[in-house]
N, C-alpha and C. Protein backbone atom coordinates (compact mmCIF):
# COMPACT_ATOMS: atom_id res chain seq x y z
N MET A 1 157.60 120.53 129.18
CA MET A 1 157.49 119.69 127.57
C MET A 1 157.10 120.68 126.30
N LYS A 2 157.83 120.51 125.43
CA LYS A 2 157.35 121.57 124.46
C LYS A 2 156.85 121.19 123.63
N VAL A 3 155.45 121.97 123.37
CA VAL A 3 153.83 121.41 122.85
C VAL A 3 154.47 122.33 121.05
N PRO A 4 154.53 121.23 119.52
CA PRO A 4 154.64 121.93 118.82
C PRO A 4 153.49 122.98 117.72
N VAL A 5 153.63 124.26 117.41
CA VAL A 5 152.84 124.88 116.80
C VAL A 5 152.65 124.27 115.56
N LEU A 6 151.24 123.81 114.78
CA LEU A 6 151.10 122.94 113.00
C LEU A 6 150.77 124.62 112.88
N GLY A 7 150.86 124.45 111.41
CA GLY A 7 150.38 125.11 110.96
C GLY A 7 148.82 124.72 110.20
N GLY A 8 148.15 125.78 109.41
CA GLY A 8 147.00 125.84 109.23
C GLY A 8 147.22 124.84 108.32
N LYS A 9 147.58 123.98 107.04
CA LYS A 9 147.29 122.99 106.51
C LYS A 9 147.99 121.73 106.66
N THR A 10 148.52 121.58 107.76
CA THR A 10 148.88 120.81 108.76
C THR A 10 147.67 120.22 109.50
N PHE A 11 147.32 121.03 110.08
CA PHE A 11 146.20 120.67 110.97
C PHE A 11 144.95 120.52 110.88
N ALA A 12 144.42 121.44 109.06
CA ALA A 12 143.53 120.40 108.41
C ALA A 12 143.76 119.12 108.30
N ALA A 13 144.89 118.56 107.94
CA ALA A 13 145.25 117.52 107.23
C ALA A 13 144.65 116.33 108.08
N LEU A 14 144.87 117.04 109.50
CA LEU A 14 145.24 116.16 110.83
C LEU A 14 144.03 115.98 111.48
N LEU A 15 142.36 116.69 111.13
CA LEU A 15 141.15 116.80 111.02
C LEU A 15 140.81 116.06 109.97
N ALA A 16 141.06 116.41 108.99
CA ALA A 16 140.51 115.01 107.87
C ALA A 16 141.21 113.93 108.01
N THR A 17 142.32 113.48 108.87
CA THR A 17 142.76 112.22 109.14
C THR A 17 141.82 111.26 110.42
N ALA A 18 141.42 112.32 110.54
CA ALA A 18 141.07 111.90 112.05
C ALA A 18 139.34 111.40 111.35
N ALA A 19 138.55 112.54 110.84
CA ALA A 19 137.49 112.26 110.23
C ALA A 19 136.84 111.07 109.68
N ILE A 20 138.16 110.82 108.30
CA ILE A 20 138.13 109.54 108.04
C ILE A 20 138.46 108.38 108.56
N ALA A 21 139.26 108.50 109.38
CA ALA A 21 139.34 107.62 110.73
C ALA A 21 138.34 107.18 111.58
N GLY A 22 137.85 108.04 111.89
CA GLY A 22 136.13 107.98 112.71
C GLY A 22 135.13 106.96 112.21
N VAL A 23 135.47 107.26 111.11
CA VAL A 23 134.17 106.70 110.19
C VAL A 23 134.24 105.16 109.11
N GLY A 24 135.76 105.22 109.35
CA GLY A 24 136.12 103.90 109.23
C GLY A 24 136.03 102.95 110.21
N THR A 25 136.35 103.37 111.27
CA THR A 25 135.79 102.86 112.59
C THR A 25 134.31 102.43 113.48
N ALA A 26 133.53 103.59 112.50
CA ALA A 26 132.43 103.37 112.83
C ALA A 26 131.85 101.93 112.00
N PHE A 27 132.20 102.46 111.30
CA PHE A 27 131.75 101.11 109.75
C PHE A 27 131.97 99.78 110.15
N TRP A 28 133.26 99.90 110.51
CA TRP A 28 133.56 98.67 111.10
C TRP A 28 133.11 98.05 112.71
N LEU A 29 132.93 98.61 113.44
CA LEU A 29 132.52 97.67 114.81
C LEU A 29 130.32 97.58 114.00
N THR A 30 129.95 98.73 113.14
CA THR A 30 128.55 98.04 113.20
C THR A 30 128.45 96.82 111.51
N ALA A 31 129.74 96.58 111.23
CA ALA A 31 129.32 96.35 109.64
C ALA A 31 129.55 94.87 110.20
N LYS A 32 128.24 93.86 109.38
CA LYS A 32 127.58 92.59 109.74
C LYS A 32 128.78 91.38 109.10
N PRO A 33 128.66 90.40 109.06
CA PRO A 33 129.54 89.34 107.80
C PRO A 33 128.95 89.30 107.20
N PRO A 34 129.66 89.02 105.62
CA PRO A 34 128.76 88.92 104.32
C PRO A 34 126.95 88.27 104.90
N GLY A 35 126.43 89.05 103.63
CA GLY A 35 124.62 87.65 103.90
C GLY A 35 123.88 87.75 104.92
N GLU A 36 124.48 88.67 106.38
CA GLU A 36 123.74 89.14 107.14
C GLU A 36 123.18 90.29 106.97
N MET A 37 121.92 90.71 106.77
CA MET A 37 121.60 91.94 106.85
C MET A 37 121.21 92.87 107.83
N PRO A 38 120.99 93.51 107.95
CA PRO A 38 120.75 94.44 109.17
C PRO A 38 119.39 94.19 109.65
N PRO A 39 119.22 94.71 110.95
CA PRO A 39 117.61 94.56 111.25
C PRO A 39 117.08 95.42 110.39
N GLU A 40 115.92 95.56 110.08
CA GLU A 40 114.57 96.50 110.09
C GLU A 40 114.16 97.23 111.05
N VAL A 41 113.69 98.79 110.41
CA VAL A 41 113.77 100.03 111.84
C VAL A 41 112.01 99.04 111.55
N SER A 42 111.52 99.18 112.60
CA SER A 42 109.76 99.28 112.65
C SER A 42 109.34 100.37 113.44
N SER A 43 107.91 100.75 113.75
CA SER A 43 108.02 101.34 114.93
C SER A 43 106.68 100.15 115.70
N PRO A 44 106.71 100.15 116.58
CA PRO A 44 105.96 98.79 118.06
C PRO A 44 104.52 98.89 116.77
N LEU A 45 103.64 100.00 116.83
CA LEU A 45 102.83 100.55 115.89
C LEU A 45 102.26 99.53 114.84
N GLU A 46 103.55 99.29 113.78
CA GLU A 46 103.40 98.41 112.56
C GLU A 46 104.03 97.29 112.70
N SER A 47 104.42 96.71 113.69
CA SER A 47 105.73 95.49 114.04
C SER A 47 104.47 94.03 114.08
N ALA A 48 104.74 93.17 113.19
CA ALA A 48 104.08 92.08 113.01
C ALA A 48 103.89 91.34 114.93
N PRO A 49 102.67 90.55 115.25
CA PRO A 49 102.62 89.73 116.30
C PRO A 49 103.45 88.63 116.34
N PRO A 50 104.03 88.27 117.90
CA PRO A 50 104.71 86.88 117.87
C PRO A 50 103.72 85.92 117.07
N VAL A 51 104.79 84.83 116.46
CA VAL A 51 104.28 83.86 116.17
C VAL A 51 103.07 83.17 116.66
N GLY A 52 102.27 82.78 116.04
CA GLY A 52 101.51 82.36 116.93
C GLY A 52 100.39 82.90 117.64
N GLN A 53 100.68 84.49 117.21
CA GLN A 53 99.56 85.31 117.51
C GLN A 53 98.81 86.20 116.27
N ALA A 54 97.16 86.10 116.69
CA ALA A 54 96.66 87.20 115.64
C ALA A 54 97.01 88.57 116.04
N PRO A 55 96.81 88.92 114.22
CA PRO A 55 96.84 90.25 114.84
C PRO A 55 96.23 91.91 115.13
N ARG A 56 96.66 92.22 116.67
CA ARG A 56 95.86 93.43 116.79
C ARG A 56 95.25 93.83 116.11
N PRO A 57 93.49 94.25 116.23
CA PRO A 57 92.60 94.60 115.13
C PRO A 57 93.16 96.28 115.10
N VAL A 58 93.14 96.99 114.44
CA VAL A 58 92.47 98.93 114.48
C VAL A 58 91.69 98.91 115.10
N GLU A 59 92.23 99.92 116.33
CA GLU A 59 91.38 100.34 116.74
C GLU A 59 90.62 102.06 115.93
N ARG A 60 89.63 102.07 115.77
CA ARG A 60 88.38 103.07 114.93
C ARG A 60 87.59 104.10 116.29
N GLN A 61 87.70 105.20 115.72
CA GLN A 61 86.99 106.13 116.19
C GLN A 61 85.87 106.27 116.24
N LEU A 62 84.96 106.34 116.84
CA LEU A 62 83.33 107.19 116.23
C LEU A 62 83.11 107.78 117.12
N SER A 63 81.50 108.38 117.00
CA SER A 63 80.95 108.86 118.06
C SER A 63 79.83 108.91 118.53
N SER A 64 79.30 108.86 120.07
CA SER A 64 78.14 108.66 120.30
C SER A 64 77.47 110.33 119.90
N TYR A 65 76.45 110.26 119.57
CA TYR A 65 75.26 111.37 119.38
C TYR A 65 74.26 111.73 120.71
N TRP A 66 74.76 113.31 121.82
CA TRP A 66 74.11 112.82 122.54
C TRP A 66 73.15 114.08 122.86
N ILE A 67 71.74 114.37 123.46
CA ILE A 67 70.82 115.43 123.18
C ILE A 67 71.34 116.78 124.19
N ASP A 68 71.29 117.92 123.26
CA ASP A 68 72.22 119.67 123.99
C ASP A 68 70.45 119.90 124.18
N SER A 69 70.04 120.73 125.11
CA SER A 69 69.12 121.50 124.71
C SER A 69 69.55 122.50 124.86
N GLN A 70 68.66 123.38 123.38
CA GLN A 70 69.22 125.21 122.74
C GLN A 70 68.04 125.51 122.69
N ASP A 71 68.23 126.97 123.16
CA ASP A 71 67.14 128.28 123.35
C ASP A 71 65.57 127.85 122.37
N ASN A 72 66.00 127.71 120.97
CA ASN A 72 65.20 127.25 119.62
C ASN A 72 65.12 125.71 119.56
N GLY A 73 65.58 124.76 120.17
CA GLY A 73 65.39 123.49 120.45
C GLY A 73 66.20 122.30 120.77
N PHE A 74 66.66 122.14 119.93
CA PHE A 74 67.34 120.36 120.63
C PHE A 74 68.61 120.14 119.24
N VAL A 75 70.23 119.77 120.27
CA VAL A 75 70.76 119.53 118.73
C VAL A 75 71.63 118.39 119.33
N VAL A 76 71.87 117.90 118.18
CA VAL A 76 72.99 116.67 118.56
C VAL A 76 74.76 116.82 118.62
N VAL A 77 75.25 116.61 119.99
CA VAL A 77 76.37 116.62 119.88
C VAL A 77 77.71 115.18 120.02
N PRO A 78 78.13 115.45 119.61
CA PRO A 78 78.79 114.04 119.20
C PRO A 78 79.80 113.68 120.80
N VAL A 79 80.47 112.33 121.03
CA VAL A 79 81.45 112.39 121.88
C VAL A 79 82.07 111.29 121.44
N ALA A 80 83.60 110.77 121.43
CA ALA A 80 83.90 109.78 121.23
C ALA A 80 83.79 109.00 122.04
N VAL A 81 83.84 107.71 121.04
CA VAL A 81 84.13 105.92 121.67
C VAL A 81 84.80 105.21 120.39
N PHE A 82 85.69 104.69 121.29
CA PHE A 82 86.63 103.68 120.63
C PHE A 82 86.26 102.14 120.75
N ALA A 83 86.23 101.08 119.55
CA ALA A 83 86.53 99.90 119.68
C ALA A 83 87.06 99.40 117.92
N ASN A 84 87.10 98.04 118.34
CA ASN A 84 87.91 97.63 117.27
C ASN A 84 87.33 97.35 116.04
N SER A 85 86.26 96.83 116.12
CA SER A 85 85.95 97.05 114.50
C SER A 85 84.50 97.83 114.06
N THR A 86 84.02 97.76 112.60
CA THR A 86 83.20 98.67 112.42
C THR A 86 81.99 98.07 113.38
N ASP A 87 81.40 96.98 112.94
CA ASP A 87 80.21 96.49 113.40
C ASP A 87 80.00 96.99 115.54
N GLU A 88 81.36 96.19 115.93
CA GLU A 88 81.50 96.24 117.10
C GLU A 88 81.46 98.04 117.29
N ALA A 89 82.11 98.96 116.55
CA ALA A 89 82.38 100.65 117.37
C ALA A 89 80.24 100.87 116.93
N ILE A 90 79.96 100.59 116.23
CA ILE A 90 79.01 100.90 116.04
C ILE A 90 77.69 100.58 117.11
N ALA A 91 77.97 99.21 117.59
CA ALA A 91 76.79 98.55 118.96
C ALA A 91 77.37 99.36 120.37
N SER A 92 78.43 99.46 120.28
CA SER A 92 79.09 100.46 121.53
C SER A 92 78.51 101.81 121.33
N ALA A 93 78.96 102.33 120.48
CA ALA A 93 78.36 104.08 120.42
C ALA A 93 76.70 103.86 120.78
N LEU A 94 76.01 103.21 120.24
CA LEU A 94 74.62 103.15 120.12
C LEU A 94 74.77 102.30 121.93
N HIS A 95 74.77 101.87 122.37
CA HIS A 95 74.79 101.18 123.63
C HIS A 95 75.41 102.13 124.89
N ALA A 96 76.56 103.21 124.31
CA ALA A 96 76.66 104.19 125.39
C ALA A 96 75.70 105.05 125.48
N LEU A 97 74.57 105.04 124.55
CA LEU A 97 73.57 105.74 124.18
C LEU A 97 72.34 105.26 125.73
N LYS A 98 72.49 104.65 126.24
CA LYS A 98 71.82 103.42 127.06
C LYS A 98 72.89 104.67 128.29
N GLY A 99 73.41 104.30 128.91
CA GLY A 99 74.06 105.46 130.18
C GLY A 99 74.27 106.51 130.22
N ASN A 100 74.76 106.26 130.81
CA ASN A 100 74.95 107.93 131.97
C ASN A 100 75.72 109.06 131.21
N PRO A 101 74.85 110.55 130.47
CA PRO A 101 75.20 111.13 130.18
C PRO A 101 76.78 111.19 130.47
N PRO A 102 77.62 111.83 129.36
CA PRO A 102 79.31 112.43 129.43
C PRO A 102 79.37 113.53 129.91
N ALA A 103 78.16 114.39 130.03
CA ALA A 103 78.49 115.85 130.53
C ALA A 103 76.84 116.33 131.61
N ASN A 104 77.33 117.01 132.60
CA ASN A 104 75.80 117.25 132.92
C ASN A 104 74.66 117.98 132.17
N ASP A 105 75.23 118.60 130.73
CA ASP A 105 73.70 119.27 129.88
C ASP A 105 73.53 118.77 129.26
N LEU A 106 73.56 116.79 129.10
CA LEU A 106 73.48 116.01 127.74
C LEU A 106 72.73 115.43 128.49
N TYR A 107 71.95 114.79 127.40
CA TYR A 107 71.20 113.35 128.07
C TYR A 107 70.69 112.52 127.21
N SER A 108 70.33 111.32 126.72
CA SER A 108 69.81 110.39 125.96
C SER A 108 67.93 110.46 125.69
N ALA A 109 67.55 110.12 124.61
CA ALA A 109 66.18 110.07 124.46
C ALA A 109 65.83 108.47 124.01
N VAL A 110 67.37 108.12 124.02
CA VAL A 110 67.11 106.66 124.01
C VAL A 110 66.81 105.81 125.26
N PRO A 111 65.57 104.66 125.38
CA PRO A 111 65.54 104.50 126.51
C PRO A 111 65.97 103.41 126.95
N PRO A 112 66.66 103.08 128.07
CA PRO A 112 67.63 102.44 128.80
C PRO A 112 67.45 101.04 128.73
N ALA A 113 65.56 100.90 128.61
CA ALA A 113 66.42 98.96 128.40
C ALA A 113 66.18 98.94 127.09
N THR A 114 66.32 99.63 126.13
CA THR A 114 66.98 99.35 124.81
C THR A 114 67.57 98.49 124.31
N GLU A 115 67.28 97.31 123.97
CA GLU A 115 69.00 96.11 123.67
C GLU A 115 69.08 96.58 121.74
N ILE A 116 70.61 96.48 121.71
CA ILE A 116 71.00 96.68 120.61
C ILE A 116 70.86 95.13 120.18
N LEU A 117 70.31 94.54 119.36
CA LEU A 117 69.34 92.92 118.95
C LEU A 117 71.29 92.63 117.49
N SER A 118 71.54 93.93 116.52
CA SER A 118 72.31 93.39 116.26
C SER A 118 72.98 95.14 114.97
N VAL A 119 74.04 94.50 114.86
CA VAL A 119 74.29 96.07 113.99
C VAL A 119 75.15 95.26 112.89
N THR A 120 75.00 95.33 111.45
CA THR A 120 76.40 95.71 110.48
C THR A 120 76.15 96.42 109.62
N ALA A 121 77.51 97.00 109.24
CA ALA A 121 77.65 97.72 108.45
C ALA A 121 78.76 97.33 107.15
N LYS A 122 78.45 97.98 105.67
CA LYS A 122 78.86 97.55 104.91
C LYS A 122 78.64 97.84 103.33
N GLU A 123 79.56 98.52 103.12
CA GLU A 123 79.45 98.73 101.54
C GLU A 123 78.39 99.99 101.47
N GLY A 124 78.58 101.32 102.19
CA GLY A 124 78.28 102.03 102.81
C GLY A 124 76.55 102.17 103.14
N GLU A 125 75.97 101.52 103.80
CA GLU A 125 74.68 100.93 104.54
C GLU A 125 74.81 100.04 106.06
N VAL A 126 74.41 100.89 106.85
CA VAL A 126 74.75 99.68 108.18
C VAL A 126 72.93 99.10 108.59
N ARG A 127 73.10 98.50 108.76
CA ARG A 127 71.73 97.56 109.06
C ARG A 127 71.81 97.82 110.61
N ILE A 128 70.55 98.13 111.33
CA ILE A 128 70.71 97.76 112.97
C ILE A 128 69.36 97.46 113.21
N ASN A 129 69.01 96.34 114.57
CA ASN A 129 67.64 94.98 114.79
C ASN A 129 68.34 96.33 115.99
N LEU A 130 66.74 96.65 116.96
CA LEU A 130 66.70 96.74 117.98
C LEU A 130 65.41 95.94 118.63
N SER A 131 65.67 96.49 119.91
CA SER A 131 64.37 95.55 120.89
C SER A 131 62.85 96.72 121.15
N ALA A 132 61.88 96.07 121.29
CA ALA A 132 60.76 96.69 121.23
C ALA A 132 60.74 97.82 121.94
N ALA A 133 61.15 97.58 123.45
CA ALA A 133 61.87 99.26 124.52
C ALA A 133 62.52 100.32 123.63
N PHE A 134 63.21 100.15 122.07
CA PHE A 134 63.11 101.43 121.53
C PHE A 134 62.11 102.22 121.01
N THR A 135 60.74 101.90 120.89
CA THR A 135 59.80 102.09 120.63
C THR A 135 59.00 102.58 121.97
N GLN A 136 59.34 102.55 122.93
CA GLN A 136 58.18 102.88 123.93
C GLN A 136 58.64 104.34 125.20
N GLY A 137 57.53 104.96 125.04
CA GLY A 137 57.88 106.30 126.10
C GLY A 137 58.38 107.18 125.38
N GLY A 138 57.60 108.24 125.72
CA GLY A 138 57.97 109.68 125.18
C GLY A 138 57.42 110.44 124.06
N GLY A 139 57.46 111.87 124.51
CA GLY A 139 56.73 112.41 123.11
C GLY A 139 57.23 112.70 121.84
N SER A 140 56.83 113.25 120.76
CA SER A 140 57.31 113.47 119.42
C SER A 140 58.41 113.58 119.72
N ALA A 141 58.93 114.76 120.18
CA ALA A 141 60.30 115.13 120.45
C ALA A 141 60.95 114.15 121.54
N ALA A 142 60.59 113.47 121.74
CA ALA A 142 61.91 112.31 122.10
C ALA A 142 61.99 111.27 120.98
N MET A 143 60.35 111.13 120.67
CA MET A 143 61.01 110.28 119.25
C MET A 143 61.70 110.66 117.89
N VAL A 144 61.75 111.28 117.64
CA VAL A 144 62.55 112.06 116.92
C VAL A 144 63.93 112.73 117.24
N GLY A 145 64.27 113.10 118.32
CA GLY A 145 65.52 112.95 119.58
C GLY A 145 66.10 111.24 119.22
N ARG A 146 65.08 110.30 119.59
CA ARG A 146 66.39 109.35 119.09
C ARG A 146 66.47 108.26 117.96
N LEU A 147 65.86 108.99 117.12
CA LEU A 147 66.09 108.55 115.94
C LEU A 147 66.89 109.59 115.33
N VAL A 148 66.90 111.23 116.17
CA VAL A 148 68.85 111.63 115.65
C VAL A 148 69.72 110.70 115.73
N GLN A 149 69.66 110.19 117.23
CA GLN A 149 70.74 110.00 118.28
C GLN A 149 71.39 108.77 117.22
N VAL A 150 70.37 108.08 116.91
CA VAL A 150 70.64 106.65 116.42
C VAL A 150 71.72 106.71 115.08
N LEU A 151 70.74 107.50 114.36
CA LEU A 151 71.35 107.78 112.50
C LEU A 151 72.73 109.03 113.08
N TYR A 152 72.90 109.61 113.76
CA TYR A 152 74.03 109.94 113.68
C TYR A 152 75.35 109.59 114.32
N THR A 153 74.73 108.38 114.75
CA THR A 153 75.75 107.75 115.76
C THR A 153 76.05 106.52 115.00
N ALA A 154 75.29 105.80 113.99
CA ALA A 154 75.43 104.78 113.71
C ALA A 154 76.09 105.22 111.71
N THR A 155 76.09 106.43 111.74
CA THR A 155 76.87 107.08 110.59
C THR A 155 78.49 107.82 110.97
N SER A 156 78.46 108.00 111.84
CA SER A 156 79.71 108.23 112.52
C SER A 156 80.75 108.01 111.54
N LEU A 157 81.22 107.20 111.00
CA LEU A 157 82.32 107.14 110.80
C LEU A 157 82.13 107.14 109.02
N ASP A 158 81.23 106.99 108.13
CA ASP A 158 80.31 107.34 107.09
C ASP A 158 78.86 108.15 107.09
N PRO A 159 79.18 109.42 106.58
CA PRO A 159 78.58 110.62 107.47
C PRO A 159 77.35 110.32 106.05
N GLU A 160 77.78 109.55 104.84
CA GLU A 160 76.77 109.48 103.55
C GLU A 160 76.22 108.46 104.00
N ALA A 161 76.79 107.13 104.60
CA ALA A 161 75.84 106.11 104.50
C ALA A 161 74.73 106.13 104.75
N LYS A 162 73.22 104.94 104.42
CA LYS A 162 72.23 104.82 104.32
C LYS A 162 72.65 104.09 106.13
N VAL A 163 71.20 104.41 106.62
CA VAL A 163 70.82 103.46 107.71
C VAL A 163 69.26 103.29 107.94
N PHE A 164 69.12 101.34 107.85
CA PHE A 164 67.62 100.97 108.06
C PHE A 164 67.84 100.05 109.16
N LEU A 165 66.98 100.77 109.76
CA LEU A 165 66.18 100.33 111.66
C LEU A 165 64.86 99.40 111.55
N SER A 166 65.38 99.09 112.07
CA SER A 166 64.49 97.49 112.65
C SER A 166 64.36 97.74 113.66
N VAL A 167 63.23 96.89 114.45
CA VAL A 167 62.60 96.74 115.77
C VAL A 167 62.07 95.53 115.55
N GLU A 168 62.98 94.18 116.56
CA GLU A 168 62.74 92.98 116.23
C GLU A 168 62.67 92.27 115.37
N GLY A 169 63.93 92.31 114.79
CA GLY A 169 63.75 92.24 113.46
C GLY A 169 62.41 93.19 111.89
N GLN A 170 61.84 93.37 112.43
CA GLN A 170 60.58 94.22 111.50
C GLN A 170 61.37 95.49 111.23
N PRO A 171 61.14 96.57 109.98
CA PRO A 171 61.46 97.17 109.65
C PRO A 171 60.77 98.41 110.08
N LEU A 172 61.11 99.83 110.97
CA LEU A 172 60.43 100.31 111.64
C LEU A 172 59.73 101.81 110.55
N THR A 173 58.40 101.64 110.73
CA THR A 173 58.16 102.64 109.57
C THR A 173 57.56 104.22 110.42
N TRP A 174 57.38 103.36 111.71
CA TRP A 174 56.35 104.34 111.96
C TRP A 174 57.00 104.09 113.83
N LEU A 175 56.93 105.31 114.27
CA LEU A 175 57.39 105.34 115.20
C LEU A 175 56.77 106.42 116.72
N GLY A 176 56.03 105.63 117.76
CA GLY A 176 54.98 106.74 118.74
C GLY A 176 53.44 106.79 118.32
N GLY A 177 53.01 107.17 119.49
CA GLY A 177 51.31 106.75 119.58
C GLY A 177 51.50 108.15 118.07
N GLU A 178 52.08 108.75 118.52
CA GLU A 178 51.76 110.44 116.88
C GLU A 178 52.30 109.88 115.86
N GLY A 179 53.19 108.75 115.41
CA GLY A 179 52.97 108.74 114.56
C GLY A 179 54.33 109.20 113.41
N ILE A 180 55.69 109.44 113.89
CA ILE A 180 56.41 109.52 112.77
C ILE A 180 57.30 109.02 111.94
N GLU A 181 56.97 109.25 111.00
CA GLU A 181 57.44 108.43 109.75
C GLU A 181 58.50 108.02 109.63
N VAL A 182 59.30 107.02 109.48
CA VAL A 182 60.43 106.55 109.51
C VAL A 182 61.44 106.07 108.88
N PRO A 183 61.88 106.93 107.91
CA PRO A 183 62.52 106.68 106.45
C PRO A 183 62.94 105.62 106.33
N GLN A 184 63.16 104.92 104.76
CA GLN A 184 64.16 103.79 104.96
C GLN A 184 64.46 103.17 103.64
N PRO A 185 65.70 103.38 103.44
CA PRO A 185 66.87 103.42 104.42
C PRO A 185 67.00 105.68 105.23
N MET A 186 67.53 105.80 106.53
CA MET A 186 67.66 106.86 106.61
C MET A 186 68.66 107.64 106.60
N THR A 187 68.74 108.50 105.93
CA THR A 187 69.99 109.40 105.84
C THR A 187 70.10 111.18 106.69
N ARG A 188 71.13 111.82 106.23
CA ARG A 188 71.37 112.53 107.34
C ARG A 188 70.43 113.86 106.80
N GLN A 189 70.55 113.43 105.79
CA GLN A 189 69.88 114.27 104.91
C GLN A 189 67.95 114.61 105.43
N ASP A 190 67.33 113.33 105.96
CA ASP A 190 66.21 112.77 106.31
C ASP A 190 65.95 113.68 107.71
N LEU A 191 66.75 113.39 108.52
CA LEU A 191 66.18 114.38 110.09
C LEU A 191 68.08 114.98 110.20
N PRO A 192 67.85 116.38 110.31
CA PRO A 192 68.76 117.74 110.90
C PRO A 192 69.58 116.87 112.15
N ALA A 193 70.93 117.36 111.99
CA ALA A 193 71.06 117.36 114.14
C ALA A 193 70.41 118.55 115.00
N ASN A 194 69.89 119.19 114.37
CA ASN A 194 69.46 120.52 115.21
C ASN A 194 67.92 120.18 115.29
N PHE A 195 67.54 119.54 115.89
CA PHE A 195 66.09 119.39 114.82
C PHE A 195 64.52 120.41 116.90
C-alpha cells in the first residue's frame, strides 16, 4: 500500500481539524443537560459536614512553656500543643505542664497536684483559676518559674493578652513564703522569658 505524502499546508489543516474535533468531543462528553450545574470543587478541609452533623472545630496550635536551665539562669522553651477551642487549648497546654517533660533537659515548676479549675479567654484577656496546690512548695526561683510558665503558656495564642490568675477563685496577689508579688493582670512585659 502506498502512503500519500502531504504538503505542509495540508498537514497543518489536518492537525487543526483534529484539535477542533478533540475539543468538541471532550465538551460533548462532559456537557450536562440544560439547567444542571457542574459540581463545585472544594478541598476536603473546606467541605461541609454531612447533614445532621455539627461542623468540625478548627484545631489551634499553641505552646506549653517548659523551663530550661541556662548558665546565667533559666529560660522558658515553647513546645507545641494542639486543641480545638481557645479555652480548651489553653487548659490543655497548662495541663501538659503537670506531666512528663517533652525532653530530658526540660522541666516544669508547676506542682503536679495543681488542678486547672477554669480557663476563659475573651477579648485579649485570659482568666485562669487554679487549685491551691499551685502555691505549694519550692523556693523563689521555682515560684517565679511557675508564674512565667503559666503566663507564657496562657498568652501563646495572643502574646499581648492580659492574664488574670486566681487560686481557688481568689485573685493571686502574693506567691510563696518569700512573698513574690503577682501583678493583676500579668503581661509578658511583667515577667521576662529568661529569669
